[in-house]
Amino acid sequence: MERDVRSVEDVLRLLDGMFETGADRWSGQGSGWWDGFYADREREVPFFAAKPDENLAAYLDRGLAAPGRALDLGCGPGRNAVFLAGRGFDVEAVDLSATAVAWGEERAREAGVAVRFHCGDVFDLVRGAPGPLRGGPYDLVYDSGCFHHLPPHRRVSYLALLRAHVAPGGLFGLACFAAGAGGMGSELPDAALYGDGRLHGGLAYTPESLRWIFGEPGWEEVELRRMRDEGAESAYFGKAFMWTALFRRSS
């Protein structure tokens, strides 16, 4: 008989265990599924292309973000991390998949930029093990596709991470599945996800839900809009089934 819950983190890890298969094992235990996902580089996956998000490029081009220390959450093969490094940022990047991280390291070498890649669960890494991040504060924390793969209870950890590691005056940028956008992302209510222990390929969000989740005191919305579609010939990645958001930490 086990009685092993005595802290909030114990509760969170207990709930983690309810999501046990495939991509829904989002924590370090689920890295094997993601390694397989990234193993075939020739797959027709839009975000495998070595292109940064169109909104991220726009933040820099419009002067909303300026070079500083950056953290890329769920970096995949490093497309946004390499772009930020090329634009003068001091970049750290995190992903669960060792296969994705190795691909990102190759891309950084080919581009002649320095990115410190880390493989692991970001919530463990920011606490210092294994292979700890510098821990911030970061001038920009950017997430393209990690947040919508978190189970609902891990939003608690995610918000704590942002509070701890975004510098005052710093920015948090997000790209995630949009509700009502052609079936990309589950629109089931949070409670229903715990019935079958699945995230159904990722969670979709409305603008209202994003504003509510990230609308804590001390944060202000800079921009929230649909990502623009970008064609194959474009230098940028863009799909209209995603929301993009930028928030500034005001205190």
Protein backbone atom coordinates (compact mmCIF):
# COMPACT_ATOMS: atom_id res chain seq x y z
CA MET A 1 0.00 0.00 0.00
CA GLU A 2 1.39 3.40 -1.01
CA ARG A 3 0.56 6.78 0.49
CA ASP A 4 2.89 9.04 -1.45
CA VAL A 5 1.07 12.37 -1.79
CA ARG A 6 2.02 15.16 0.58
CA SER A 7 2.69 18.14 -1.70
CA VAL A 8 1.22 19.91 -4.69
CA GLU A 9 3.99 18.45 -6.86
CA ASP A 10 3.07 14.94 -5.68
CA VAL A 11 -0.52 15.59 -6.80
CA LEU A 12 0.64 16.87 -10.17
CA ARG A 13 2.81 13.82 -10.77
CA LEU A 14 -0.05 11.54 -9.73
CA LEU A 15 -2.24 13.20 -12.36
CA ASP A 16 0.59 12.94 -14.90
CA GLY A 17 0.29 9.19 -14.62
CA MET A 18 -3.27 9.31 -15.95
CA PHE A 19 -1.93 10.21 -19.41
CA GLU A 20 0.03 7.09 -20.31
CA THR A 21 0.10 6.45 -24.04
CA GLY A 22 1.88 7.82 -27.09
CA ALA A 23 2.14 11.57 -27.45
CA ASP A 24 -0.09 11.97 -24.39
CA ARG A 25 2.84 10.88 -22.22
CA TRP A 26 4.11 14.43 -22.43
CA SER A 27 6.66 14.13 -19.62
CA GLY A 28 10.12 12.60 -19.87
CA GLN A 29 8.57 9.13 -19.80
CA GLY A 30 6.92 9.90 -23.13
CA SER A 31 10.06 10.91 -24.97
CA GLY A 32 10.23 7.61 -26.87
CA TRP A 33 7.07 8.41 -28.83
CA TRP A 34 8.44 11.81 -29.80
CA ASP A 35 11.80 10.30 -30.77
CA GLY A 36 9.95 8.10 -33.25
CA PHE A 37 7.96 11.08 -34.49
CA TYR A 38 11.12 13.06 -35.31
CA ALA A 39 13.15 10.10 -36.61
CA ASP A 40 11.93 10.34 -40.23
CA ARG A 41 12.98 13.81 -41.34
CA GLU A 42 11.36 13.38 -44.74
CA ARG A 43 7.85 13.13 -43.35
CA GLU A 44 5.45 15.79 -44.61
CA VAL A 45 5.13 17.58 -41.29
CA PRO A 46 4.80 21.35 -41.80
CA PHE A 47 6.86 22.36 -38.77
CA PHE A 48 9.78 20.13 -39.78
CA ALA A 49 10.78 22.87 -42.23
CA ALA A 50 13.69 25.03 -41.10
CA LYS A 51 11.54 28.15 -40.91
CA PRO A 52 10.67 30.34 -37.92
CA ASP A 53 7.09 31.17 -36.98
CA GLU A 54 5.84 34.16 -38.96
CA ASN A 55 4.59 35.87 -35.79
CA LEU A 56 7.95 35.46 -34.05
CA ALA A 57 9.73 37.09 -36.97
CA ALA A 58 7.12 39.86 -36.92
CA TYR A 59 7.74 40.57 -33.23
CA LEU A 60 11.38 41.30 -34.03
CA ASP A 61 10.74 43.16 -37.27
CA ARG A 62 8.16 45.41 -35.59
CA GLY A 63 10.40 46.12 -32.61
CA LEU A 64 8.14 44.36 -30.11
CA ALA A 65 11.05 42.12 -29.06
CA ALA A 66 14.76 42.93 -29.03
CA PRO A 67 17.80 40.64 -28.65
CA GLY A 68 18.45 39.37 -25.14
CA ARG A 69 18.27 36.05 -23.31
CA ALA A 70 15.70 33.65 -24.76
CA LEU A 71 14.25 30.27 -23.83
CA ASP A 72 12.49 28.13 -26.45
CA LEU A 73 10.10 25.62 -24.85
CA GLY A 74 9.39 22.44 -26.80
CA CYS A 75 11.89 23.52 -29.45
CA GLY A 76 11.61 20.41 -31.66
CA PRO A 77 14.33 20.50 -34.36
CA GLY A 78 15.26 24.04 -33.35
CA ARG A 79 13.77 26.15 -36.13
CA ASN A 80 12.78 29.05 -33.85
CA ALA A 81 15.82 28.71 -31.59
CA VAL A 82 18.22 28.89 -34.55
CA PHE A 83 16.34 31.89 -35.92
CA LEU A 84 16.55 33.76 -32.60
CA ALA A 85 20.25 33.01 -32.28
CA GLY A 86 20.77 34.33 -35.79
CA ARG A 87 19.03 37.54 -34.77
CA GLY A 88 21.37 38.12 -31.84
CA PHE A 89 19.65 36.34 -28.95
CA ASP A 90 21.47 34.26 -26.32
CA VAL A 91 19.32 31.14 -26.67
CA GLU A 92 18.55 28.06 -24.60
CA ALA A 93 16.16 25.48 -26.05
CA VAL A 94 14.42 22.49 -24.47
CA ASP A 95 12.67 19.42 -25.85
CA LEU A 96 11.70 15.99 -24.51
CA SER A 97 13.03 14.24 -27.60
CA ALA A 98 16.75 13.51 -27.90
CA THR A 99 16.18 12.95 -31.63
CA ALA A 100 14.71 16.43 -32.05
CA VAL A 101 17.49 18.00 -29.98
CA ALA A 102 20.19 16.30 -32.08
CA TRP A 103 18.52 17.61 -35.23
CA GLY A 104 18.40 21.09 -33.73
CA GLU A 105 22.08 20.94 -32.86
CA GLU A 106 22.87 20.00 -36.47
CA ARG A 107 20.84 22.94 -37.74
CA ALA A 108 22.60 25.34 -35.38
CA ARG A 109 26.02 24.14 -36.58
CA GLU A 110 24.97 24.48 -40.22
CA ALA A 111 23.70 28.00 -39.57
CA GLY A 112 26.85 28.94 -37.65
CA VAL A 113 24.98 30.01 -34.51
CA ALA A 114 25.22 29.03 -30.86
CA VAL A 115 22.20 27.51 -29.13
CA ARG A 116 22.38 25.64 -25.82
CA PHE A 117 20.05 22.68 -26.32
CA HIS A 118 18.75 20.62 -23.41
CA CYS A 119 16.89 17.31 -23.58
CA GLY A 120 14.32 16.68 -20.88
CA ASP A 121 11.18 17.76 -19.09
CA VAL A 122 11.32 21.54 -18.82
CA PHE A 123 9.77 21.49 -15.35
CA ASP A 124 12.63 19.31 -14.13
CA LEU A 125 15.27 21.28 -16.02
CA VAL A 126 14.31 24.64 -14.53
CA ARG A 127 14.62 23.06 -11.09
CA GLY A 128 18.22 22.17 -11.88
CA ALA A 129 18.35 18.53 -12.95
CA PRO A 130 19.46 17.03 -15.22
CA GLY A 131 21.62 19.39 -17.29
CA PRO A 132 20.19 22.51 -15.70
CA LEU A 133 19.15 25.59 -17.57
CA ARG A 134 20.63 28.87 -16.50
CA GLY A 135 17.21 29.52 -15.03
CA GLY A 136 16.72 33.03 -16.31
CA PRO A 137 15.54 35.60 -16.01
CA TYR A 138 14.82 35.50 -19.72
CA ASP A 139 13.89 38.49 -21.84
CA LEU A 140 11.83 36.21 -24.07
CA VAL A 141 10.26 32.83 -23.39
CA TYR A 142 8.76 31.40 -26.57
CA ASP A 143 6.58 28.32 -27.04
CA SER A 144 5.40 27.01 -30.39
CA GLY A 145 3.50 23.79 -29.81
CA CYS A 146 4.51 22.76 -26.28
CA PHE A 147 1.71 24.36 -24.25
CA HIS A 148 -1.10 22.68 -26.16
CA HIS A 149 0.41 19.26 -25.35
CA LEU A 150 0.24 19.83 -21.58
CA PRO A 151 -2.54 18.20 -19.57
CA PRO A 152 -4.73 20.75 -17.77
CA HIS A 153 -3.15 20.32 -14.33
CA ARG A 154 0.30 21.20 -15.70
CA ARG A 155 -0.87 24.72 -16.52
CA VAL A 156 -0.22 25.34 -12.83
CA SER A 157 3.45 24.40 -13.29
CA TYR A 158 3.63 26.33 -16.56
CA LEU A 159 2.40 29.58 -15.03
CA ALA A 160 4.81 29.14 -12.13
CA LEU A 161 7.65 28.68 -14.64
CA LEU A 162 6.74 31.93 -16.39
CA ARG A 163 6.49 33.84 -13.11
CA ALA A 164 9.89 32.56 -12.05
CA HIS A 165 11.82 32.87 -15.31
CA VAL A 166 10.49 35.77 -17.39
CA ALA A 167 12.31 38.96 -16.44
CA PRO A 168 10.31 42.04 -15.43
CA GLY A 169 9.54 43.78 -18.69
CA GLY A 170 10.21 40.52 -20.53
CA LEU A 171 7.98 38.75 -23.01
CA PHE A 172 6.18 35.43 -23.32
CA GLY A 173 5.23 34.38 -26.83
CA LEU A 174 2.93 31.48 -27.69
CA ALA A 175 1.63 29.58 -30.72
CA CYS A 176 -1.01 26.95 -29.98
CA PHE A 177 -3.99 25.14 -31.53
CA ALA A 178 -7.06 27.31 -32.14
CA ALA A 179 -10.54 26.05 -31.31
CA GLY A 180 -12.90 25.95 -34.28
CA ALA A 181 -10.07 25.74 -36.78
CA GLY A 182 -10.82 22.69 -38.87
CA GLY A 183 -10.42 19.97 -36.26
CA MET A 184 -6.83 20.69 -35.19
CA GLY A 185 -6.79 20.26 -31.44
CA SER A 186 -9.29 18.74 -29.03
CA GLU A 187 -12.14 20.94 -27.81
CA LEU A 188 -13.21 18.56 -25.04
CA PRO A 189 -13.62 20.21 -21.63
CA ASP A 190 -10.73 19.76 -19.23
CA ALA A 191 -12.58 17.34 -16.94
CA ALA A 192 -13.41 14.99 -19.83
CA LEU A 193 -9.72 14.45 -20.61
CA TYR A 194 -9.23 12.63 -17.31
CA GLY A 195 -11.91 10.12 -18.20
CA ASP A 196 -9.85 8.38 -20.87
CA GLY A 197 -6.36 9.73 -20.05
CA ARG A 198 -5.83 11.20 -23.51
CA LEU A 199 -5.05 14.65 -24.87
CA HIS A 200 -6.37 13.65 -28.30
CA GLY A 201 -3.38 15.05 -30.17
CA GLY A 202 -3.28 18.35 -28.31
CA LEU A 203 -5.70 20.84 -26.81
CA ALA A 204 -7.38 23.68 -28.69
CA TYR A 205 -7.89 27.07 -27.06
CA THR A 206 -10.14 30.06 -27.61
CA PRO A 207 -8.91 33.66 -27.27
CA GLU A 208 -11.01 33.95 -24.13
CA SER A 209 -9.42 30.89 -22.55
CA LEU A 210 -5.91 32.13 -23.34
CA ARG A 211 -6.67 35.56 -21.88
CA TRP A 212 -8.08 33.93 -18.77
CA ILE A 213 -5.14 31.53 -18.29
CA PHE A 214 -2.44 34.13 -18.90
CA GLY A 215 -4.35 37.10 -17.52
CA GLU A 216 -2.76 37.06 -14.08
CA PRO A 217 -1.90 40.37 -12.41
CA GLY A 218 1.51 41.56 -13.57
CA TRP A 219 1.01 40.53 -17.20
CA GLU A 220 -0.33 42.56 -20.08
CA GLU A 221 -1.45 41.42 -23.52
CA VAL A 222 0.60 42.83 -26.38
CA GLU A 223 -1.06 40.92 -29.21
CA LEU A 224 -3.35 37.96 -29.76
CA ARG A 225 -4.25 36.89 -33.30
CA ARG A 226 -4.51 33.97 -35.67
CA MET A 227 -1.27 32.85 -37.24
CA ARG A 228 -1.11 33.80 -40.90
CA ASP A 229 -0.97 31.05 -43.52
CA GLU A 230 2.40 30.96 -45.23
CA GLY A 231 2.94 29.11 -48.48
CA ALA A 232 5.71 26.66 -49.29
CA GLU A 233 7.74 29.44 -50.91
CA SER A 234 7.65 31.62 -47.80
CA ALA A 235 10.65 32.04 -45.53
CA TYR A 236 8.32 31.63 -42.54
CA PHE A 237 6.09 28.95 -41.02
CA GLY A 238 2.44 29.85 -40.66
CA LYS A 239 -0.80 27.91 -40.28
CA ALA A 240 -4.18 29.54 -39.63
CA PHE A 241 -5.26 26.71 -37.32
CA MET A 242 -3.10 28.26 -34.57
CA TRP A 243 -3.39 31.23 -32.27
CA THR A 244 -0.40 33.43 -31.66
CA ALA A 245 -0.09 35.50 -28.50
CA LEU A 246 2.44 37.85 -26.96
CA PHE A 247 2.32 38.93 -23.31
CA ARG A 248 4.62 41.29 -21.44
CA ARG A 249 5.48 40.91 -17.78
CA SER A 250 4.84 44.31 -16.25
CA SER A 251 6.01 43.48 -12.73
